[in-house]
């Protein structure tokens, strides 16, 4: 979950990055360090960033360190830039 605290939100939404054990060797996989609340090596699928109503969250599994969150966020932005660059090259070839 990457949402910030808001005491009076217009909607009760949470932004999340799904974790998965299925590494498809894609640009969108960000390997996670060993996390005590997960049973296997996992990665963040930054292509799957989405939002859900907070009420759908059943329980908290664990917490990522600030350093781990920073890596996920930075890699998500780097991927976004690469995808946009490749997209613009495809639209405007030399």
Foldseek 3Di string as FASTA:
>chain_A
DPDDDDPDDPAQKDKDFDKDPDCPVDLQWAWDDDDPLDDHGITTRLVPTDMDHPVPDDDDSDDDDPVRVVSNVVSSVVVVVVVVVVVVCVVPPD
